[in-house]
Structures are given as structure tokens and as C-alpha cells.
């Protein structure tokens, strides 16, 4: 859950930079502030989506992949979808 909160904050911080174009510098892979995860921001039609693509520590103490609260693995987990710039370009 701590990772999800961190990734949510990272996505919110990145929102002002979203664009309609796949060449926009926001799209790509971003290392989290604590260097524990990589989030990939990609175009989703005319919007932007984000998913976790790498974890420094992907396994729990039992050696199984860490999971989100919904039971799905964190790596590959969709964190954000449907974000777009507002009318002022923010």
C-alpha cells in the first residue's frame, strides 16, 4: 500500500506535464523518488496512462510477487488512466 501511495503522488506531480503527443517528454519511464520503482507513462488515445513496470524488491517475505490491495501483482499494475491537460495547457 505504501508503494501505491508513493506512485499516486508521483503521478499527481507529473500531471501538469501531460500532453496529447507521444513525443511529449512526460511519456517514458520514470524512477520513483526513493528509487524503488519505475513507472511507465504512455499515451492512451488522447490521454495518458501510467503503470508500474519495475520494483527493486518485487517479492514479499514468502518469495511471492508483491500484490496490490486488489490481489493483482504490483509489477504491471495500472496506477493512472485517462489523464489529460486542461484548457490552459496544464
N, C-alpha and C. Protein backbone atom coordinates (compact mmCIF):
# COMPACT_ATOMS: atom_id res chain seq x y z
N UNK A 1 0.83 -1.19 0.00
CA UNK A 1 0.00 0.00 0.00
C UNK A 1 0.87 1.25 0.00
N UNK A 2 2.02 1.18 0.70
CA UNK A 2 2.94 2.31 0.74
C UNK A 2 3.41 2.66 -0.67
N UNK A 3 3.70 1.62 -1.48
CA UNK A 3 4.14 1.86 -2.85
C UNK A 3 3.05 2.54 -3.67
N UNK A 4 1.81 2.09 -3.49
CA UNK A 4 0.72 2.69 -4.26
C UNK A 4 0.55 4.15 -3.92
N UNK A 5 0.66 4.48 -2.65
CA UNK A 5 0.55 5.89 -2.25
C UNK A 5 1.67 6.70 -2.88
N UNK A 6 2.88 6.18 -2.84
CA UNK A 6 4.03 6.88 -3.43
C UNK A 6 3.84 7.06 -4.93
N UNK A 7 3.38 6.02 -5.60
CA UNK A 7 3.19 6.11 -7.05
C UNK A 7 2.07 7.09 -7.37
N UNK A 8 1.03 7.10 -6.55
CA UNK A 8 -0.05 8.07 -6.76
C UNK A 8 0.44 9.49 -6.67
N UNK A 9 1.29 9.76 -5.68
CA UNK A 9 1.87 11.10 -5.53
C UNK A 9 2.72 11.43 -6.74
N UNK A 10 3.51 10.47 -7.19
CA UNK A 10 4.38 10.71 -8.35
C UNK A 10 3.56 11.04 -9.59
N UNK A 11 2.47 10.32 -9.79
CA UNK A 11 1.62 10.58 -10.94
C UNK A 11 0.99 11.97 -10.85
N UNK A 12 0.51 12.33 -9.67
CA UNK A 12 -0.11 13.65 -9.48
C UNK A 12 0.91 14.76 -9.74
N UNK A 13 2.14 14.56 -9.31
CA UNK A 13 3.19 15.56 -9.55
C UNK A 13 3.46 15.68 -11.04
N UNK A 14 3.35 14.58 -11.76
CA UNK A 14 3.62 14.59 -13.20
C UNK A 14 2.48 15.15 -14.02
N UNK A 15 1.27 15.20 -13.48
CA UNK A 15 0.09 15.62 -14.25
C UNK A 15 0.23 16.95 -14.97
N UNK A 16 0.84 17.96 -14.39
CA UNK A 16 0.92 19.22 -15.12
C UNK A 16 1.68 19.14 -16.43
N UNK A 17 2.42 18.07 -16.63
CA UNK A 17 3.25 17.95 -17.82
C UNK A 17 2.66 17.05 -18.89
N UNK A 18 1.46 16.51 -18.69
CA UNK A 18 0.88 15.60 -19.67
C UNK A 18 0.57 16.32 -20.97
N UNK A 19 0.67 15.57 -22.07
CA UNK A 19 0.41 16.17 -23.38
C UNK A 19 -0.39 15.20 -24.23
N UNK A 20 -0.83 15.69 -25.37
CA UNK A 20 -1.58 14.88 -26.30
C UNK A 20 -0.65 14.07 -27.21
N UNK A 21 0.60 14.45 -27.30
CA UNK A 21 1.54 13.84 -28.23
C UNK A 21 2.42 12.80 -27.56
N UNK A 22 2.66 11.67 -28.25
CA UNK A 22 3.53 10.62 -27.71
C UNK A 22 4.97 11.09 -27.62
N UNK A 23 5.32 12.18 -28.27
CA UNK A 23 6.69 12.69 -28.22
C UNK A 23 6.89 13.63 -27.03
N UNK A 24 5.85 13.91 -26.28
CA UNK A 24 5.96 14.79 -25.12
C UNK A 24 6.93 14.18 -24.12
N UNK A 25 7.75 15.00 -23.47
CA UNK A 25 8.75 14.47 -22.53
C UNK A 25 8.17 13.76 -21.31
N UNK A 26 6.89 13.90 -21.03
CA UNK A 26 6.32 13.19 -19.87
C UNK A 26 6.24 11.70 -20.14
N UNK A 27 6.08 11.32 -21.39
CA UNK A 27 5.95 9.91 -21.71
C UNK A 27 7.31 9.23 -21.63
N UNK A 28 7.30 8.06 -21.04
CA UNK A 28 8.53 7.29 -20.87
C UNK A 28 8.53 6.62 -19.51
N UNK A 29 9.71 6.21 -19.09
CA UNK A 29 9.86 5.52 -17.80
C UNK A 29 10.48 6.46 -16.79
N UNK A 30 9.90 6.46 -15.59
CA UNK A 30 10.32 7.36 -14.53
C UNK A 30 10.68 6.58 -13.27
N UNK A 31 11.84 6.85 -12.73
CA UNK A 31 12.27 6.23 -11.48
C UNK A 31 11.63 6.98 -10.32
N UNK A 32 11.06 6.25 -9.38
CA UNK A 32 10.43 6.89 -8.23
C UNK A 32 11.48 7.60 -7.38
N UNK A 33 11.02 8.53 -6.57
CA UNK A 33 11.94 9.33 -5.75
C UNK A 33 12.82 8.47 -4.86
N UNK A 34 12.27 7.39 -4.31
CA UNK A 34 13.06 6.52 -3.44
C UNK A 34 13.84 5.46 -4.22
N UNK A 35 13.75 5.52 -5.54
CA UNK A 35 14.45 4.61 -6.45
C UNK A 35 14.03 3.15 -6.26
N UNK A 36 12.80 2.95 -5.77
CA UNK A 36 12.30 1.61 -5.52
C UNK A 36 11.37 1.08 -6.59
N UNK A 37 10.99 1.93 -7.55
CA UNK A 37 10.06 1.50 -8.59
C UNK A 37 10.25 2.35 -9.84
N UNK A 38 9.84 1.79 -10.96
CA UNK A 38 9.82 2.53 -12.23
C UNK A 38 8.38 2.55 -12.72
N UNK A 39 7.92 3.74 -13.07
CA UNK A 39 6.57 3.94 -13.60
C UNK A 39 6.71 4.31 -15.07
N UNK A 40 5.93 3.66 -15.90
CA UNK A 40 5.92 3.98 -17.32
C UNK A 40 4.66 4.77 -17.64
N UNK A 41 4.84 5.97 -18.19
CA UNK A 41 3.73 6.83 -18.61
C UNK A 41 3.63 6.70 -20.13
N UNK A 42 2.46 6.31 -20.61
CA UNK A 42 2.26 6.09 -22.04
C UNK A 42 0.99 6.79 -22.51
N UNK A 43 0.92 7.09 -23.82
CA UNK A 43 -0.32 7.64 -24.36
C UNK A 43 -1.41 6.57 -24.35
N UNK A 44 -2.62 6.98 -24.06
CA UNK A 44 -3.81 6.11 -24.14
C UNK A 44 -4.82 6.90 -24.96
N UNK A 45 -4.73 6.78 -26.26
CA UNK A 45 -5.56 7.62 -27.13
C UNK A 45 -5.08 9.05 -27.00
N UNK A 46 -5.98 9.97 -26.66
CA UNK A 46 -5.58 11.37 -26.49
C UNK A 46 -5.30 11.69 -25.02
N UNK A 47 -5.15 10.69 -24.20
CA UNK A 47 -4.90 10.85 -22.77
C UNK A 47 -3.60 10.15 -22.39
N UNK A 48 -3.34 10.06 -21.08
CA UNK A 48 -2.11 9.41 -20.60
C UNK A 48 -2.45 8.38 -19.53
N UNK A 49 -1.67 7.32 -19.50
CA UNK A 49 -1.83 6.24 -18.51
C UNK A 49 -0.48 5.96 -17.87
N UNK A 50 -0.51 5.38 -16.70
CA UNK A 50 0.72 5.02 -16.02
C UNK A 50 0.61 3.66 -15.36
N UNK A 51 1.70 2.89 -15.44
CA UNK A 51 1.71 1.58 -14.78
C UNK A 51 3.10 1.32 -14.22
N UNK A 52 3.15 0.54 -13.17
CA UNK A 52 4.42 0.18 -12.54
C UNK A 52 5.05 -0.94 -13.38
N UNK A 53 6.29 -0.75 -13.81
CA UNK A 53 6.93 -1.75 -14.67
C UNK A 53 8.15 -2.40 -14.02
N UNK A 54 8.61 -1.89 -12.88
CA UNK A 54 9.77 -2.47 -12.22
C UNK A 54 9.73 -2.13 -10.73
N UNK A 55 10.12 -3.10 -9.92
CA UNK A 55 10.25 -2.89 -8.47
C UNK A 55 11.63 -3.38 -8.04
N UNK A 56 12.28 -2.60 -7.21
CA UNK A 56 13.58 -3.02 -6.69
C UNK A 56 13.42 -4.30 -5.87
N UNK A 57 12.37 -4.36 -5.07
CA UNK A 57 12.09 -5.52 -4.23
C UNK A 57 10.71 -6.08 -4.62
N UNK A 58 10.66 -6.90 -5.67
CA UNK A 58 9.36 -7.34 -6.18
C UNK A 58 8.70 -8.47 -5.38
N UNK A 59 9.45 -9.11 -4.48
CA UNK A 59 8.91 -10.26 -3.76
C UNK A 59 8.62 -9.95 -2.31
N UNK A 60 7.59 -10.59 -1.77
CA UNK A 60 7.29 -10.43 -0.35
C UNK A 60 8.20 -11.36 0.47
N UNK A 61 8.00 -11.40 1.76
CA UNK A 61 8.88 -12.20 2.64
C UNK A 61 8.77 -13.70 2.38
N UNK A 62 7.67 -14.13 1.75
CA UNK A 62 7.50 -15.55 1.40
C UNK A 62 8.05 -15.88 0.02
N UNK A 63 8.58 -14.89 -0.68
CA UNK A 63 9.13 -15.12 -2.01
C UNK A 63 8.12 -15.03 -3.13
N UNK A 64 6.92 -14.55 -2.83
CA UNK A 64 5.88 -14.38 -3.86
C UNK A 64 5.87 -12.92 -4.34
N UNK A 65 5.41 -12.70 -5.58
CA UNK A 65 5.32 -11.32 -6.07
C UNK A 65 4.45 -10.46 -5.15
N UNK A 66 4.91 -9.26 -4.84
CA UNK A 66 4.11 -8.32 -4.05
C UNK A 66 2.84 -7.99 -4.81
N UNK A 67 1.75 -7.83 -4.05
CA UNK A 67 0.46 -7.58 -4.68
C UNK A 67 -0.18 -6.30 -4.16
N UNK A 68 -1.01 -5.71 -5.01
CA UNK A 68 -1.81 -4.55 -4.63
C UNK A 68 -2.97 -5.02 -3.77
N UNK A 69 -3.72 -4.09 -3.23
CA UNK A 69 -4.85 -4.44 -2.36
C UNK A 69 -5.93 -5.25 -3.08
N UNK A 70 -5.96 -5.17 -4.41
CA UNK A 70 -6.95 -5.94 -5.17
C UNK A 70 -6.46 -7.35 -5.51
N UNK A 71 -5.26 -7.70 -5.04
CA UNK A 71 -4.71 -9.04 -5.26
C UNK A 71 -3.89 -9.20 -6.53
N UNK A 72 -3.82 -8.17 -7.35
CA UNK A 72 -3.03 -8.25 -8.58
C UNK A 72 -1.58 -7.89 -8.28
N UNK A 73 -0.64 -8.47 -9.03
CA UNK A 73 0.79 -8.15 -8.81
C UNK A 73 1.05 -6.66 -9.00
N UNK A 74 1.93 -6.10 -8.15
CA UNK A 74 2.28 -4.68 -8.26
C UNK A 74 2.99 -4.38 -9.57
N UNK A 75 3.89 -5.27 -9.98
CA UNK A 75 4.62 -5.03 -11.23
C UNK A 75 3.64 -5.25 -12.38
N UNK A 76 3.43 -4.22 -13.18
CA UNK A 76 2.44 -4.24 -14.25
C UNK A 76 1.13 -3.60 -13.84
N UNK A 77 1.03 -3.21 -12.57
CA UNK A 77 -0.20 -2.63 -12.03
C UNK A 77 -0.46 -1.25 -12.64
N UNK A 78 -1.68 -1.04 -13.12
CA UNK A 78 -2.07 0.25 -13.68
C UNK A 78 -2.35 1.23 -12.55
N UNK A 79 -1.61 2.34 -12.54
CA UNK A 79 -1.74 3.32 -11.47
C UNK A 79 -2.59 4.51 -11.85
N UNK A 80 -2.65 4.81 -13.12
CA UNK A 80 -3.37 6.01 -13.55
C UNK A 80 -3.84 5.81 -14.98
N UNK A 81 -5.01 6.37 -15.28
CA UNK A 81 -5.54 6.29 -16.64
C UNK A 81 -6.42 7.49 -16.91
N UNK A 82 -6.42 7.93 -18.16
CA UNK A 82 -7.34 8.97 -18.58
C UNK A 82 -6.96 10.39 -18.22
N UNK A 83 -5.70 10.64 -17.88
CA UNK A 83 -5.30 12.00 -17.55
C UNK A 83 -5.06 12.80 -18.82
N UNK A 84 -5.38 14.10 -18.76
CA UNK A 84 -5.16 14.98 -19.91
C UNK A 84 -4.84 16.37 -19.41
N UNK A 85 -4.32 17.19 -20.31
CA UNK A 85 -4.08 18.60 -19.98
C UNK A 85 -5.42 19.32 -19.91
N UNK A 86 -5.47 20.37 -19.10
CA UNK A 86 -6.68 21.18 -19.09
C UNK A 86 -6.59 22.21 -20.21
N UNK A 87 -7.57 23.05 -20.33
CA UNK A 87 -7.62 24.02 -21.42
C UNK A 87 -6.45 24.99 -21.42
N UNK A 88 -5.87 25.26 -20.26
CA UNK A 88 -4.75 26.21 -20.20
C UNK A 88 -3.43 25.53 -20.47
N UNK A 89 -3.43 24.23 -20.82
CA UNK A 89 -2.20 23.52 -21.14
C UNK A 89 -1.49 22.95 -19.93
N UNK A 90 -2.15 22.96 -18.79
CA UNK A 90 -1.53 22.42 -17.57
C UNK A 90 -1.90 20.97 -17.38
